[in-house]
Amino acid sequence: MQQFDKIEALREQVAAWRAAGERIAFVPTMGNLHAGHFALVELARRHAQRVVTSVFVNPTQFGPNEDFSRYPRTPEADARGLVVAGCDLLFLPTVEQMYPFGAGHCVQVRVPGLTAELDGAARPGHFDGVATVVLRLFNMVEPDVAVFGRKDFQQLRVIQYMVRELSLPITILPAAIQREADGLALSSRNQYLSAEERAIAPQIHRTLLAMRSAWQQGQPLSAIEQDAVAHLDEAGFDVDYAQLRRSQDLATPQQGERDGLVALIAARLGRTRLIDNLEFDA
């Protein structure tokens, strides 16, 4: 596996692969990689001859009181895992490479509508930072396909919207959520949990299952969401949201809709913010 930290070297190698007629798949990450990330790489490998993975902790998607400074950075371990997963090239850009005029003076991308609620409301400006960095990475790598996990469901929809709206020649491949045996979705932030908090954390997935069951039984939307928040509060979470939405556009569903729905939860447990979702058709 090759490793580059300069855009020019990345582009030169990708251009050589493309000249040889090879398809390029791309997996953007913020590092501290785990089995969930490696599953993205393995999915990418099935759709292209070459896989590029980026590791970049993006400052523009963190709010002023969020965990940018303490977000775990493990580039050596990441590289070892990517070799095993079948990655061909690891791109490790610096902030200066990504934002030559500084992160505070960069050209920004905003996706309207989809970013106004849920995580967009809980973390103002977050999705502007996500869209901004992903578009930059797309311009650098110029992949044929790019893989994004379904755990960050709203992010996935934001990227799909941006790609379609800007007519980017990239196919977005959604990857299934990877879970622990007790249902907890894999996340780099899980390592922040204490032993006691780790025992509580699977309540998020159990609550999502209960939300789906209640909706399928015809219970009112408001009651389902209120019960979910109450259950998580009682378990010790500080809940940002627990809501049912249409999976395609994240609009609020009408009572009686059955297909194409998703339950989404974001909640803090101690200092750790966890997100998860459950698509009803999955």
Protein backbone atom coordinates (compact mmCIF):
# COMPACT_ATOMS: atom_id res chain seq x y z
CA MET A 1 0.00 0.00 0.00
CA GLN A 2 1.26 3.44 -0.94
CA GLN A 3 1.00 6.45 1.38
CA PHE A 4 0.93 10.07 0.24
CA ASP A 5 0.40 13.35 2.04
CA LYS A 6 0.62 15.59 -1.04
CA ILE A 7 -2.21 16.15 -3.51
CA GLU A 8 0.13 16.11 -6.50
CA ALA A 9 1.48 12.63 -5.68
CA LEU A 10 -2.05 11.32 -5.12
CA ARG A 11 -3.26 12.66 -8.46
CA GLU A 12 -0.24 11.28 -10.33
CA GLN A 13 -0.84 7.76 -9.04
CA VAL A 14 -4.60 7.86 -9.62
CA ALA A 15 -4.01 9.16 -13.16
CA ALA A 16 -1.67 6.23 -13.85
CA TRP A 17 -4.28 3.73 -12.67
CA ARG A 18 -6.96 5.39 -14.74
CA ALA A 19 -4.72 5.39 -17.82
CA ALA A 20 -4.41 1.62 -17.34
CA GLY A 21 -8.21 1.34 -17.48
CA GLU A 22 -8.71 0.66 -13.77
CA ARG A 23 -11.72 1.83 -11.76
CA ILE A 24 -11.05 3.85 -8.62
CA ALA A 25 -13.02 3.48 -5.37
CA PHE A 26 -12.68 5.95 -2.52
CA VAL A 27 -13.33 5.63 1.22
CA PRO A 28 -13.04 8.95 3.12
CA THR A 29 -12.47 8.61 6.87
CA MET A 30 -11.31 10.57 9.90
CA GLY A 31 -9.07 7.72 11.01
CA ASN A 32 -8.92 5.71 14.24
CA LEU A 33 -10.17 2.92 12.04
CA HIS A 34 -12.13 -0.11 13.25
CA ALA A 35 -13.91 -3.09 11.72
CA GLY A 36 -16.68 -0.86 10.42
CA HIS A 37 -14.22 1.20 8.37
CA PHE A 38 -12.47 -1.89 7.06
CA ALA A 39 -15.84 -3.24 5.90
CA LEU A 40 -16.17 -0.07 3.79
CA VAL A 41 -12.81 -0.79 2.19
CA GLU A 42 -13.80 -4.38 1.49
CA LEU A 43 -17.03 -3.20 -0.16
CA ALA A 44 -15.05 -0.70 -2.24
CA ARG A 45 -12.72 -3.48 -3.37
CA ARG A 46 -15.68 -5.38 -4.82
CA HIS A 47 -16.54 -2.44 -7.07
CA ALA A 48 -13.15 -1.29 -8.34
CA GLN A 49 -9.64 -2.44 -9.14
CA ARG A 50 -8.06 0.23 -6.92
CA VAL A 51 -9.08 1.55 -3.50
CA VAL A 52 -8.01 4.90 -2.07
CA THR A 53 -8.69 5.67 1.59
CA SER A 54 -8.18 9.10 3.14
CA VAL A 55 -7.54 9.81 6.82
CA PHE A 56 -8.19 13.43 7.74
CA VAL A 57 -9.68 14.83 10.93
CA ASN A 58 -11.59 17.71 9.40
CA PRO A 59 -11.71 20.84 11.58
CA THR A 60 -14.56 22.49 9.67
CA GLN A 61 -17.13 19.88 10.77
CA PHE A 62 -16.48 20.27 14.50
CA GLY A 63 -18.28 22.89 16.58
CA PRO A 64 -16.46 25.11 19.11
CA ASN A 65 -17.37 22.85 22.06
CA GLU A 66 -16.89 19.51 20.28
CA ASP A 67 -14.09 16.97 20.47
CA PHE A 68 -11.76 17.96 17.59
CA SER A 69 -8.67 18.23 19.79
CA ARG A 70 -9.25 14.89 21.52
CA TYR A 71 -10.50 12.97 18.49
CA PRO A 72 -8.21 9.90 18.43
CA ARG A 73 -5.46 9.93 15.81
CA THR A 74 -3.83 6.56 15.13
CA PRO A 75 -2.22 6.72 11.66
CA GLU A 76 0.21 3.81 12.13
CA ALA A 77 -2.51 1.40 13.30
CA ASP A 78 -4.82 2.70 10.57
CA ALA A 79 -2.22 1.93 7.91
CA ARG A 80 -1.68 -1.60 9.19
CA GLY A 81 -5.40 -2.32 9.15
CA LEU A 82 -5.85 -0.88 5.67
CA VAL A 83 -3.16 -3.15 4.26
CA VAL A 84 -5.06 -6.18 5.57
CA ALA A 85 -8.37 -4.80 4.26
CA GLY A 86 -6.98 -4.43 0.73
CA CYS A 87 -6.45 -0.69 0.38
CA ASP A 88 -4.05 0.38 -2.39
CA LEU A 89 -3.37 3.98 -1.36
CA LEU A 90 -3.65 5.87 1.92
CA PHE A 91 -3.98 9.64 1.58
CA LEU A 92 -2.97 11.57 4.73
CA PRO A 93 -3.32 15.27 3.89
CA THR A 94 -2.49 18.05 6.32
CA VAL A 95 -4.86 20.87 7.18
CA GLU A 96 -2.63 23.13 5.06
CA GLN A 97 -3.06 20.82 2.06
CA MET A 98 -6.82 20.68 2.46
CA TYR A 99 -7.32 24.37 3.29
CA PRO A 100 -4.48 26.43 1.77
CA PHE A 101 -5.99 29.71 2.96
CA GLY A 102 -6.87 28.31 6.38
CA ALA A 103 -9.96 26.48 7.58
CA GLY A 104 -11.56 29.77 8.62
CA HIS A 105 -11.24 31.25 5.13
CA CYS A 106 -12.17 28.30 2.93
CA VAL A 107 -14.77 28.16 0.19
CA GLN A 108 -17.73 26.42 1.80
CA VAL A 109 -20.42 24.07 0.49
CA ARG A 110 -23.93 24.08 1.93
CA VAL A 111 -26.61 21.52 1.14
CA PRO A 112 -30.03 23.07 1.85
CA GLY A 113 -33.03 21.35 3.38
CA LEU A 114 -31.50 18.07 4.46
CA THR A 115 -29.08 19.78 6.83
CA ALA A 116 -31.64 21.87 8.73
CA GLU A 117 -32.83 19.26 11.25
CA LEU A 118 -31.64 16.30 13.31
CA ASP A 119 -27.83 16.51 13.47
CA GLY A 120 -27.96 19.74 11.50
CA ALA A 121 -29.97 21.36 14.29
CA ALA A 122 -27.98 19.72 17.08
CA ARG A 123 -24.62 20.58 15.49
CA PRO A 124 -24.96 23.85 13.53
CA GLY A 125 -22.53 24.06 10.64
CA HIS A 126 -21.51 20.42 10.89
CA PHE A 127 -22.83 19.35 7.50
CA ASP A 128 -21.40 22.44 5.80
CA GLY A 129 -18.01 21.18 6.97
CA VAL A 130 -18.75 17.63 5.84
CA ALA A 131 -19.90 18.67 2.38
CA THR A 132 -16.97 21.07 2.03
CA VAL A 133 -14.29 18.50 2.83
CA VAL A 134 -15.90 15.65 0.89
CA LEU A 135 -16.21 17.75 -2.27
CA ARG A 136 -12.55 18.72 -1.94
CA LEU A 137 -11.55 15.09 -1.54
CA PHE A 138 -13.69 14.10 -4.52
CA ASN A 139 -11.89 16.74 -6.61
CA MET A 140 -8.51 15.37 -5.50
CA VAL A 141 -9.19 11.64 -5.91
CA GLU A 142 -11.71 11.78 -8.78
CA PRO A 143 -13.13 8.34 -7.92
CA ASP A 144 -15.60 6.31 -9.92
CA VAL A 145 -17.30 5.13 -6.71
CA ALA A 146 -17.21 6.27 -3.09
CA VAL A 147 -18.34 4.31 -0.04
CA PHE A 148 -20.17 5.81 2.96
CA GLY A 149 -21.56 3.96 5.96
CA ARG A 150 -25.26 3.96 6.78
CA LYS A 151 -24.60 4.68 10.46
CA ASP A 152 -24.12 8.35 9.56
CA PHE A 153 -27.46 8.23 7.77
CA GLN A 154 -28.08 11.96 7.43
CA GLN A 155 -24.52 12.44 6.21
CA LEU A 156 -25.09 9.76 3.56
CA ARG A 157 -28.19 11.56 2.31
CA VAL A 158 -26.33 14.92 2.28
CA ILE A 159 -23.52 13.45 0.16
CA GLN A 160 -25.97 11.77 -2.22
CA TYR A 161 -27.82 15.08 -2.64
CA MET A 162 -24.58 16.97 -3.32
CA VAL A 163 -23.36 14.44 -5.88
CA ARG A 164 -26.65 14.49 -7.76
CA GLU A 165 -27.14 18.26 -7.55
CA LEU A 166 -23.60 19.01 -8.79
CA SER A 167 -23.72 16.24 -11.44
CA LEU A 168 -20.57 14.62 -10.10
CA PRO A 169 -19.65 11.44 -12.04
CA ILE A 170 -19.41 9.37 -8.85
CA THR A 171 -21.54 6.45 -7.69
CA ILE A 172 -22.20 6.52 -3.93
CA LEU A 173 -22.25 3.05 -2.34
CA PRO A 174 -24.02 2.86 1.05
CA ALA A 175 -22.52 0.28 3.42
CA ALA A 176 -24.41 -1.59 6.14
CA ILE A 177 -23.97 -0.65 9.80
CA GLN A 178 -21.49 -2.88 11.61
CA ARG A 179 -22.56 -3.80 15.15
CA GLU A 180 -21.21 -5.45 18.26
CA ALA A 181 -22.95 -8.64 19.40
CA ASP A 182 -25.17 -6.62 21.76
CA GLY A 183 -26.30 -4.28 18.99
CA LEU A 184 -24.06 -1.26 19.65
CA ALA A 185 -23.04 0.33 16.34
CA LEU A 186 -19.28 0.41 15.85
CA SER A 187 -17.83 3.89 16.27
CA SER A 188 -14.46 5.44 17.01
CA ARG A 189 -16.15 7.28 19.87
CA ASN A 190 -17.13 4.04 21.64
CA GLN A 191 -13.65 3.94 23.19
CA TYR A 192 -14.55 7.03 25.22
CA LEU A 193 -17.21 5.06 27.10
CA SER A 194 -16.50 3.86 30.61
CA ALA A 195 -17.26 0.22 31.45
CA GLU A 196 -20.57 1.29 33.02
CA GLU A 197 -21.49 3.46 30.05
CA ARG A 198 -20.56 0.70 27.60
CA ALA A 199 -23.08 -1.58 29.32
CA ILE A 200 -25.79 1.07 28.87
CA ALA A 201 -24.96 2.08 25.30
CA PRO A 202 -26.82 -0.81 23.54
CA GLN A 203 -30.08 0.72 24.81
CA ILE A 204 -29.92 2.97 21.74
CA HIS A 205 -30.29 0.03 19.37
CA ARG A 206 -32.98 -1.54 21.54
CA THR A 207 -34.89 1.74 21.49
CA LEU A 208 -34.67 1.88 17.69
CA LEU A 209 -36.12 -1.63 17.49
CA ALA A 210 -38.93 -0.61 19.84
CA MET A 211 -39.67 2.49 17.72
CA ARG A 212 -39.98 0.35 14.60
CA SER A 213 -42.24 -2.15 16.35
CA ALA A 214 -44.47 0.58 17.75
CA TRP A 215 -44.87 2.21 14.34
CA GLN A 216 -45.70 -1.10 12.70
CA GLN A 217 -48.37 -1.59 15.37
CA GLY A 218 -49.93 1.72 14.38
CA GLN A 219 -48.99 3.81 17.42
CA PRO A 220 -48.98 7.61 16.92
CA LEU A 221 -45.72 9.21 15.84
CA SER A 222 -45.58 11.69 18.72
CA ALA A 223 -46.10 8.95 21.29
CA ILE A 224 -43.38 6.77 19.78
CA GLU A 225 -40.84 9.59 19.83
CA GLN A 226 -41.80 10.71 23.34
CA ASP A 227 -41.53 7.15 24.66
CA ALA A 228 -38.12 6.73 23.04
CA VAL A 229 -36.79 9.91 24.63
CA ALA A 230 -38.25 8.95 28.01
CA HIS A 231 -36.68 5.49 27.86
CA LEU A 232 -33.26 6.88 26.95
CA ASP A 233 -33.50 9.58 29.62
CA GLU A 234 -34.27 6.94 32.22
CA ALA A 235 -31.28 4.88 31.07
CA GLY A 236 -28.96 7.84 31.61
CA PHE A 237 -28.70 9.44 28.17
CA ASP A 238 -28.94 13.13 27.33
CA VAL A 239 -31.00 12.91 24.13
CA ASP A 240 -30.54 15.25 21.17
CA TYR A 241 -33.29 13.54 19.17
CA ALA A 242 -35.16 10.27 18.70
CA GLN A 243 -37.31 10.58 15.59
CA LEU A 244 -38.96 8.70 12.75
CA ARG A 245 -38.40 10.04 9.24
CA ARG A 246 -38.79 9.07 5.61
CA SER A 247 -35.49 7.54 4.63
CA GLN A 248 -35.32 9.17 1.20
CA ASP A 249 -35.67 12.85 2.15
CA LEU A 250 -35.79 12.79 5.99
CA ALA A 251 -39.26 14.35 5.97
CA THR A 252 -41.73 13.53 8.74
CA PRO A 253 -43.91 10.56 7.70
CA GLN A 254 -47.67 10.52 7.67
CA GLN A 255 -49.47 8.14 10.00
CA GLY A 256 -50.01 4.86 8.19
CA GLU A 257 -46.95 5.00 5.93
CA ARG A 258 -45.17 1.68 5.99
CA ASP A 259 -42.33 1.68 3.47
CA GLY A 260 -39.13 3.68 3.26
CA LEU A 261 -38.89 4.82 6.89
CA VAL A 262 -35.97 5.17 9.29
CA ALA A 263 -35.69 5.74 13.04
CA LEU A 264 -32.78 7.94 14.10
CA ILE A 265 -31.27 8.62 17.52
CA ALA A 266 -28.49 10.89 18.73
CA ALA A 267 -27.75 10.96 22.45
CA ARG A 268 -24.92 11.67 24.85
CA LEU A 269 -23.75 9.20 27.44
CA GLY A 270 -21.35 10.96 29.76
CA ARG A 271 -19.00 12.91 27.48
CA THR A 272 -19.63 10.68 24.46
CA ARG A 273 -22.13 11.46 21.73
CA LEU A 274 -23.53 8.37 20.01
CA ILE A 275 -25.68 8.16 16.89
CA ASP A 276 -27.51 5.22 15.34
CA ASN A 277 -30.44 4.49 13.07
CA LEU A 278 -32.64 1.66 11.87
CA GLU A 279 -34.15 1.50 8.41
CA PHE A 280 -37.50 -0.24 8.54
CA ASP A 281 -37.01 -2.00 5.18
CA ALA A 282 -33.51 -3.26 5.99
